[in-house]
Each structure stands twice: as structure tokens, then as C-alpha cells.
PDB file of N, CA and C in Angstrom:
ATOM      1  N   UNK A   1       0.852  -1.166   0.000  1.00  0.00           N
ATOM      2  CA  UNK A   1       0.000   0.000   0.000  1.00  0.00           C
ATOM      3  C   UNK A   1       0.904   1.238   0.000  1.00  0.00           C
ATOM      4  N   UNK A   2       0.584   2.193  -0.819  1.00  0.00           N
ATOM      5  CA  UNK A   2       1.353   3.434  -0.895  1.00  0.00           C
ATOM      6  C   UNK A   2       0.550   4.537  -0.209  1.00  0.00           C
ATOM      7  N   UNK A   3       1.207   5.229   0.723  1.00  0.00           N
ATOM      8  CA  UNK A   3       0.535   6.251   1.523  1.00  0.00           C
ATOM      9  C   UNK A   3       1.283   7.572   1.471  1.00  0.00           C
ATOM     10  N   UNK A   4       0.563   8.644   1.776  1.00  0.00           N
ATOM     11  CA  UNK A   4       1.172   9.963   1.927  1.00  0.00           C
ATOM     12  C   UNK A   4       0.515  10.672   3.110  1.00  0.00           C
ATOM     13  N   UNK A   5       1.342  11.356   3.876  1.00  0.00           N
ATOM     14  CA  UNK A   5       0.867  12.193   4.960  1.00  0.00           C
ATOM     15  C   UNK A   5       1.062  13.633   4.502  1.00  0.00           C
ATOM     16  N   UNK A   6      -0.010  14.391   4.436  1.00  0.00           N
ATOM     17  CA  UNK A   6       0.025  15.799   4.052  1.00  0.00           C
ATOM     18  C   UNK A   6      -0.337  16.604   5.299  1.00  0.00           C
ATOM     19  N   UNK A   7       0.457  17.634   5.578  1.00  0.00           N
ATOM     20  CA  UNK A   7       0.177  18.386   6.791  1.00  0.00           C
ATOM     21  C   UNK A   7       0.366  19.880   6.588  1.00  0.00           C
ATOM     22  N   UNK A   8      -0.315  20.642   7.435  1.00  0.00           N
ATOM     23  CA  UNK A   8      -0.117  22.072   7.585  1.00  0.00           C
ATOM     24  C   UNK A   8       0.085  22.304   9.065  1.00  0.00           C
ATOM     25  N   UNK A   9       1.181  22.960   9.422  1.00  0.00           N
ATOM     26  CA  UNK A   9       1.490  23.162  10.828  1.00  0.00           C
ATOM     27  C   UNK A   9       1.923  24.599  11.057  1.00  0.00           C
ATOM     28  N   UNK A  10       1.235  25.276  11.919  1.00  0.00           N
ATOM     29  CA  UNK A  10       1.572  26.659  12.228  1.00  0.00           C
ATOM     30  C   UNK A  10       2.610  26.723  13.350  1.00  0.00           C
ATOM     31  N   UNK A  11       2.420  25.933  14.395  1.00  0.00           N
ATOM     32  CA  UNK A  11       3.307  25.977  15.557  1.00  0.00           C
ATOM     33  C   UNK A  11       4.340  24.862  15.569  1.00  0.00           C
ATOM     34  N   UNK A  12       4.183  23.880  14.681  1.00  0.00           N
ATOM     35  CA  UNK A  12       5.105  22.752  14.649  1.00  0.00           C
ATOM     36  C   UNK A  12       4.548  21.479  15.264  1.00  0.00           C
ATOM     37  N   UNK A  13       3.446  21.584  16.007  1.00  0.00           N
ATOM     38  CA  UNK A  13       2.876  20.390  16.646  1.00  0.00           C
ATOM     39  C   UNK A  13       2.332  19.394  15.631  1.00  0.00           C
ATOM     40  N   UNK A  14       1.595  19.872  14.646  1.00  0.00           N
ATOM     41  CA  UNK A  14       1.036  18.979  13.631  1.00  0.00           C
ATOM     42  C   UNK A  14       2.153  18.352  12.809  1.00  0.00           C
ATOM     43  N   UNK A  15       3.209  19.092  12.558  1.00  0.00           N
ATOM     44  CA  UNK A  15       4.374  18.553  11.839  1.00  0.00           C
ATOM     45  C   UNK A  15       4.990  17.389  12.615  1.00  0.00           C
ATOM     46  N   UNK A  16       5.124  17.539  13.925  1.00  0.00           N
ATOM     47  CA  UNK A  16       5.688  16.465  14.756  1.00  0.00           C
ATOM     48  C   UNK A  16       4.822  15.202  14.679  1.00  0.00           C
ATOM     49  N   UNK A  17       3.524  15.378  14.728  1.00  0.00           N
ATOM     50  CA  UNK A  17       2.619  14.224  14.647  1.00  0.00           C
ATOM     51  C   UNK A  17       2.728  13.575  13.263  1.00  0.00           C
ATOM     52  N   UNK A  18       2.752  14.389  12.205  1.00  0.00           N
ATOM     53  CA  UNK A  18       2.875  13.858  10.842  1.00  0.00           C
ATOM     54  C   UNK A  18       4.180  13.088  10.684  1.00  0.00           C
ATOM     55  N   UNK A  19       5.266  13.623  11.216  1.00  0.00           N
ATOM     56  CA  UNK A  19       6.557  12.936  11.126  1.00  0.00           C
ATOM     57  C   UNK A  19       6.553  11.632  11.911  1.00  0.00           C
ATOM     58  N   UNK A  20       5.884  11.605  13.059  1.00  0.00           N
ATOM     59  CA  UNK A  20       5.793  10.378  13.855  1.00  0.00           C
ATOM     60  C   UNK A  20       4.995   9.304  13.109  1.00  0.00           C
ATOM     61  N   UNK A  21       3.902   9.688  12.477  1.00  0.00           N
ATOM     62  CA  UNK A  21       3.111   8.732  11.688  1.00  0.00           C
ATOM     63  C   UNK A  21       3.951   8.216  10.526  1.00  0.00           C
ATOM     64  N   UNK A  22       4.655   9.102   9.860  1.00  0.00           N
ATOM     65  CA  UNK A  22       5.523   8.723   8.740  1.00  0.00           C
ATOM     66  C   UNK A  22       6.596   7.729   9.186  1.00  0.00           C
ATOM     67  N   UNK A  23       7.259   8.034  10.299  1.00  0.00           N
ATOM     68  CA  UNK A  23       8.290   7.119  10.822  1.00  0.00           C
ATOM     69  C   UNK A  23       7.694   5.753  11.163  1.00  0.00           C
ATOM     70  N   UNK A  24       6.553   5.764  11.836  1.00  0.00           N
ATOM     71  CA  UNK A  24       5.924   4.507  12.231  1.00  0.00           C
ATOM     72  C   UNK A  24       5.546   3.651  11.037  1.00  0.00           C
ATOM     73  N   UNK A  25       4.976   4.253  10.026  1.00  0.00           N
ATOM     74  CA  UNK A  25       4.584   3.486   8.844  1.00  0.00           C
ATOM     75  C   UNK A  25       5.822   2.980   8.096  1.00  0.00           C
ATOM     76  N   UNK A  26       6.842   3.821   8.015  1.00  0.00           N
ATOM     77  CA  UNK A  26       8.064   3.424   7.322  1.00  0.00           C
ATOM     78  C   UNK A  26       8.743   2.260   8.036  1.00  0.00           C
ATOM     79  N   UNK A  27       8.746   2.283   9.352  1.00  0.00           N
ATOM     80  CA  UNK A  27       9.352   1.189  10.130  1.00  0.00           C
ATOM     81  C   UNK A  27       8.616  -0.126   9.916  1.00  0.00           C
ATOM     82  N   UNK A  28       7.346  -0.044   9.608  1.00  0.00           N
ATOM     83  CA  UNK A  28       6.562  -1.251   9.340  1.00  0.00           C
ATOM     84  C   UNK A  28       6.743  -1.748   7.906  1.00  0.00           C
ATOM     85  N   UNK A  29       7.553  -1.028   7.147  1.00  0.00           N
ATOM     86  CA  UNK A  29       7.821  -1.439   5.775  1.00  0.00           C
ATOM     87  C   UNK A  29       6.829  -0.895   4.758  1.00  0.00           C
ATOM     88  N   UNK A  30       5.967  -0.016   5.210  1.00  0.00           N
ATOM     89  CA  UNK A  30       5.002   0.589   4.291  1.00  0.00           C
ATOM     90  C   UNK A  30       5.674   1.716   3.511  1.00  0.00           C
ATOM     91  N   UNK A  31       5.304   1.873   2.261  1.00  0.00           N
ATOM     92  CA  UNK A  31       5.805   3.000   1.483  1.00  0.00           C
ATOM     93  C   UNK A  31       4.970   4.211   1.856  1.00  0.00           C
ATOM     94  N   UNK A  32       5.616   5.189   2.486  1.00  0.00           N
ATOM     95  CA  UNK A  32       4.900   6.359   2.976  1.00  0.00           C
ATOM     96  C   UNK A  32       5.712   7.611   2.671  1.00  0.00           C
ATOM     97  N   UNK A  33       5.073   8.560   2.021  1.00  0.00           N
ATOM     98  CA  UNK A  33       5.684   9.850   1.748  1.00  0.00           C
ATOM     99  C   UNK A  33       5.094  10.874   2.700  1.00  0.00           C
ATOM    100  N   UNK A  34       5.758  12.021   2.804  1.00  0.00           N
ATOM    101  CA  UNK A  34       5.277  13.098   3.658  1.00  0.00           C
ATOM    102  C   UNK A  34       5.504  14.414   2.924  1.00  0.00           C
ATOM    103  N   UNK A  35       4.540  15.330   3.024  1.00  0.00           N
ATOM    104  CA  UNK A  35       4.648  16.608   2.330  1.00  0.00           C
ATOM    105  C   UNK A  35       3.778  17.647   3.026  1.00  0.00           C
ATOM    106  N   UNK A  36       4.152  18.893   2.865  1.00  0.00           N
ATOM    107  CA  UNK A  36       3.281  19.967   3.340  1.00  0.00           C
ATOM    108  C   UNK A  36       2.197  20.202   2.295  1.00  0.00           C
ATOM    109  N   UNK A  37       1.163  20.889   2.682  1.00  0.00           N
ATOM    110  CA  UNK A  37       0.091  21.202   1.744  1.00  0.00           C
ATOM    111  C   UNK A  37       0.586  21.996   0.551  1.00  0.00           C
ATOM    112  N   UNK A  38       1.603  22.838   0.756  1.00  0.00           N
ATOM    113  CA  UNK A  38       2.159  23.635  -0.344  1.00  0.00           C
ATOM    114  C   UNK A  38       2.982  22.780  -1.303  1.00  0.00           C
ATOM    115  N   UNK A  39       3.612  21.734  -0.799  1.00  0.00           N
ATOM    116  CA  UNK A  39       4.500  20.900  -1.612  1.00  0.00           C
ATOM    117  C   UNK A  39       3.769  19.862  -2.449  1.00  0.00           C
ATOM    118  N   UNK A  40       2.616  19.450  -1.993  1.00  0.00           N
ATOM    119  CA  UNK A  40       1.938  18.318  -2.618  1.00  0.00           C
ATOM    120  C   UNK A  40       1.407  18.667  -4.008  1.00  0.00           C
ATOM    121  N   UNK A  41       1.552  17.719  -4.923  1.00  0.00           N
ATOM    122  CA  UNK A  41       1.021  17.845  -6.280  1.00  0.00           C
ATOM    123  C   UNK A  41      -0.308  17.099  -6.321  1.00  0.00           C
ATOM    124  N   UNK A  42      -1.393  17.838  -6.382  1.00  0.00           N
ATOM    125  CA  UNK A  42      -2.741  17.251  -6.332  1.00  0.00           C
ATOM    126  C   UNK A  42      -2.919  16.170  -7.392  1.00  0.00           C
ATOM    127  N   UNK A  43      -2.410  16.391  -8.590  1.00  0.00           N
ATOM    128  CA  UNK A  43      -2.574  15.436  -9.688  1.00  0.00           C
ATOM    129  C   UNK A  43      -1.911  14.097  -9.389  1.00  0.00           C
ATOM    130  N   UNK A  44      -0.863  14.097  -8.592  1.00  0.00           N
ATOM    131  CA  UNK A  44      -0.141  12.849  -8.293  1.00  0.00           C
ATOM    132  C   UNK A  44      -0.750  12.059  -7.141  1.00  0.00           C
ATOM    133  N   UNK A  45      -1.740  12.639  -6.478  1.00  0.00           N
ATOM    134  CA  UNK A  45      -2.350  11.939  -5.349  1.00  0.00           C
ATOM    135  C   UNK A  45      -3.103  10.680  -5.778  1.00  0.00           C
ATOM    136  N   UNK A  46      -3.438  10.566  -7.039  1.00  0.00           N
ATOM    137  CA  UNK A  46      -4.109   9.349  -7.515  1.00  0.00           C
ATOM    138  C   UNK A  46      -3.188   8.139  -7.424  1.00  0.00           C
ATOM    139  N   UNK A  47      -1.887   8.361  -7.219  1.00  0.00           N
ATOM    140  CA  UNK A  47      -0.919   7.271  -7.083  1.00  0.00           C
ATOM    141  C   UNK A  47      -0.926   6.657  -5.687  1.00  0.00           C
ATOM    142  N   UNK A  48      -1.705   7.218  -4.773  1.00  0.00           N
ATOM    143  CA  UNK A  48      -1.698   6.756  -3.382  1.00  0.00           C
ATOM    144  C   UNK A  48      -2.972   5.997  -3.041  1.00  0.00           C
ATOM    145  N   UNK A  49      -2.801   4.978  -2.199  1.00  0.00           N
ATOM    146  CA  UNK A  49      -3.936   4.202  -1.702  1.00  0.00           C
ATOM    147  C   UNK A  49      -4.535   4.834  -0.446  1.00  0.00           C
ATOM    148  N   UNK A  50      -3.688   5.551   0.301  1.00  0.00           N
ATOM    149  CA  UNK A  50      -4.108   6.163   1.565  1.00  0.00           C
ATOM    150  C   UNK A  50      -3.535   7.574   1.637  1.00  0.00           C
ATOM    151  N   UNK A  51      -4.393   8.537   1.939  1.00  0.00           N
ATOM    152  CA  UNK A  51      -3.965   9.925   2.088  1.00  0.00           C
ATOM    153  C   UNK A  51      -4.349  10.373   3.492  1.00  0.00           C
ATOM    154  N   UNK A  52      -3.333  10.735   4.289  1.00  0.00           N
ATOM    155  CA  UNK A  52      -3.571  11.270   5.625  1.00  0.00           C
ATOM    156  C   UNK A  52      -3.412  12.779   5.585  1.00  0.00           C
ATOM    157  N   UNK A  53      -4.299  13.490   6.229  1.00  0.00           N
ATOM    158  CA  UNK A  53      -4.252  14.950   6.223  1.00  0.00           C
ATOM    159  C   UNK A  53      -4.288  15.452   7.653  1.00  0.00           C
ATOM    160  N   UNK A  54      -3.291  16.262   8.010  1.00  0.00           N
ATOM    161  CA  UNK A  54      -3.229  16.818   9.356  1.00  0.00           C
ATOM    162  C   UNK A  54      -3.176  18.326   9.316  1.00  0.00           C
ATOM    163  N   UNK A  55      -3.924  18.952  10.212  1.00  0.00           N
ATOM    164  CA  UNK A  55      -3.911  20.414  10.292  1.00  0.00           C
ATOM    165  C   UNK A  55      -4.447  20.837  11.650  1.00  0.00           C
ATOM    166  N   UNK A  56      -4.163  22.087  12.023  1.00  0.00           N
ATOM    167  CA  UNK A  56      -4.842  22.625  13.197  1.00  0.00           C
ATOM    168  C   UNK A  56      -6.319  22.815  12.870  1.00  0.00           C
ATOM    169  N   UNK A  57      -7.152  22.933  13.894  1.00  0.00           N
ATOM    170  CA  UNK A  57      -8.574  23.097  13.606  1.00  0.00           C
ATOM    171  C   UNK A  57      -9.125  24.453  14.022  1.00  0.00           C
ATOM    172  N   UNK A  58      -8.519  25.139  14.970  1.00  0.00           N
ATOM    173  CA  UNK A  58      -8.901  26.507  15.349  1.00  0.00           C
ATOM    174  C   UNK A  58     -10.403  26.753  15.343  1.00  0.00           C
ATOM    175  N   UNK A  59     -11.191  25.814  15.695  1.00  0.00           N
ATOM    176  CA  UNK A  59     -12.635  25.990  15.645  1.00  0.00           C
ATOM    177  C   UNK A  59     -13.205  25.747  14.255  1.00  0.00           C
ATOM    178  N   UNK A  60     -12.382  25.355  13.330  1.00  0.00           N
ATOM    179  CA  UNK A  60     -12.753  25.082  11.941  1.00  0.00           C
ATOM    180  C   UNK A  60     -11.480  24.912  11.128  1.00  0.00           C
ATOM    181  N   UNK A  61     -11.621  24.456   9.922  1.00  0.00           N
ATOM    182  CA  UNK A  61     -10.429  24.252   9.083  1.00  0.00           C
ATOM    183  C   UNK A  61      -9.854  25.582   8.626  1.00  0.00           C
ATOM    184  N   UNK A  62      -8.524  25.704   8.629  1.00  0.00           N
ATOM    185  CA  UNK A  62      -7.909  26.901   8.063  1.00  0.00           C
ATOM    186  C   UNK A  62      -8.242  26.990   6.570  1.00  0.00           C
ATOM    187  N   UNK A  63      -8.352  28.199   6.024  1.00  0.00           N
ATOM    188  CA  UNK A  63      -8.727  28.372   4.616  1.00  0.00           C
ATOM    189  C   UNK A  63      -7.815  27.630   3.637  1.00  0.00           C
ATOM    190  N   UNK A  64      -6.514  27.590   3.902  1.00  0.00           N
ATOM    191  CA  UNK A  64      -5.623  26.896   2.964  1.00  0.00           C
ATOM    192  C   UNK A  64      -5.861  25.384   2.964  1.00  0.00           C
ATOM    193  N   UNK A  65      -6.230  24.838   4.097  1.00  0.00           N
ATOM    194  CA  UNK A  65      -6.528  23.401   4.167  1.00  0.00           C
ATOM    195  C   UNK A  65      -7.852  23.120   3.463  1.00  0.00           C
ATOM    196  N   UNK A  66      -8.829  23.996   3.637  1.00  0.00           N
ATOM    197  CA  UNK A  66     -10.115  23.847   2.947  1.00  0.00           C
ATOM    198  C   UNK A  66      -9.909  23.875   1.436  1.00  0.00           C
ATOM    199  N   UNK A  67      -9.047  24.777   0.939  1.00  0.00           N
ATOM    200  CA  UNK A  67      -8.766  24.844  -0.501  1.00  0.00           C
ATOM    201  C   UNK A  67      -8.108  23.550  -0.982  1.00  0.00           C
ATOM    202  N   UNK A  68      -7.206  23.003  -0.180  1.00  0.00           N
ATOM    203  CA  UNK A  68      -6.551  21.743  -0.539  1.00  0.00           C
ATOM    204  C   UNK A  68      -7.591  20.617  -0.640  1.00  0.00           C
ATOM    205  N   UNK A  69      -8.456  20.522   0.334  1.00  0.00           N
ATOM    206  CA  UNK A  69      -9.495  19.497   0.317  1.00  0.00           C
ATOM    207  C   UNK A  69     -10.418  19.677  -0.884  1.00  0.00           C
ATOM    208  N   UNK A  70     -10.802  20.899  -1.162  1.00  0.00           N
ATOM    209  CA  UNK A  70     -11.663  21.173  -2.310  1.00  0.00           C
ATOM    210  C   UNK A  70     -10.966  20.781  -3.618  1.00  0.00           C
ATOM    211  N   UNK A  71      -9.669  21.037  -3.705  1.00  0.00           N
ATOM    212  CA  UNK A  71      -8.915  20.691  -4.915  1.00  0.00           C
ATOM    213  C   UNK A  71      -8.794  19.178  -5.081  1.00  0.00           C
ATOM    214  N   UNK A  72      -8.917  18.430  -3.980  1.00  0.00           N
ATOM    215  CA  UNK A  72      -8.826  16.980  -4.018  1.00  0.00           C
ATOM    216  C   UNK A  72     -10.148  16.324  -4.385  1.00  0.00           C
ATOM    217  N   UNK A  73     -11.222  17.078  -4.505  1.00  0.00           N
ATOM    218  CA  UNK A  73     -12.553  16.509  -4.696  1.00  0.00           C
ATOM    219  C   UNK A  73     -12.660  15.559  -5.901  1.00  0.00           C
ATOM    220  N   UNK A  74     -11.937  15.775  -7.020  1.00  0.00           N
ATOM    221  CA  UNK A  74     -12.039  14.803  -8.117  1.00  0.00           C
ATOM    222  C   UNK A  74     -11.494  13.424  -7.774  1.00  0.00           C
ATOM    223  N   UNK A  75     -10.720  13.323  -6.700  1.00  0.00           N
ATOM    224  CA  UNK A  75     -10.146  12.030  -6.324  1.00  0.00           C
ATOM    225  C   UNK A  75     -11.227  11.130  -5.792  1.00  0.00           C
TER     226      UNK A  75
END
């Protein structure tokens, strides 16, 4: 199974969690990539079986994360 963890982190906490998930999956022998929301190529996400998304919630999704999710809708 090919996976990717996509994250947006303002304070660094979400980044730490994303990196921990990435390390854990990699140690289990799973193919897992990690990227920020700015780095990810939406068109290439069809190559993944599992997409993990991490972000702060601040009482709702940050606008940049909402745009990323909306851009993923064809998937």
C-alpha cells in the first residue's frame, strides 16, 4: 500500500505528529511519503492508496486546508 501524509502546521505540533506517523509506517515497511500542503502535487495523489491529512482546527479548518481538500474533490 502506498501512503502519503500531508500536513499544515503553524506551531510545529502537527508537523511532529505527521513525522511520527511517517516514521511509524516506514518502520513497518510501508511506502509512505510526507509533504506539506504547499509541496503536494494534487494530480499525483491518484498514485496513493491512503492519504492522511493533518492540520490545526482553530474551531474550523484553516482556509488553505479547505482549498486543498476542495482541490482533491475529483479524487
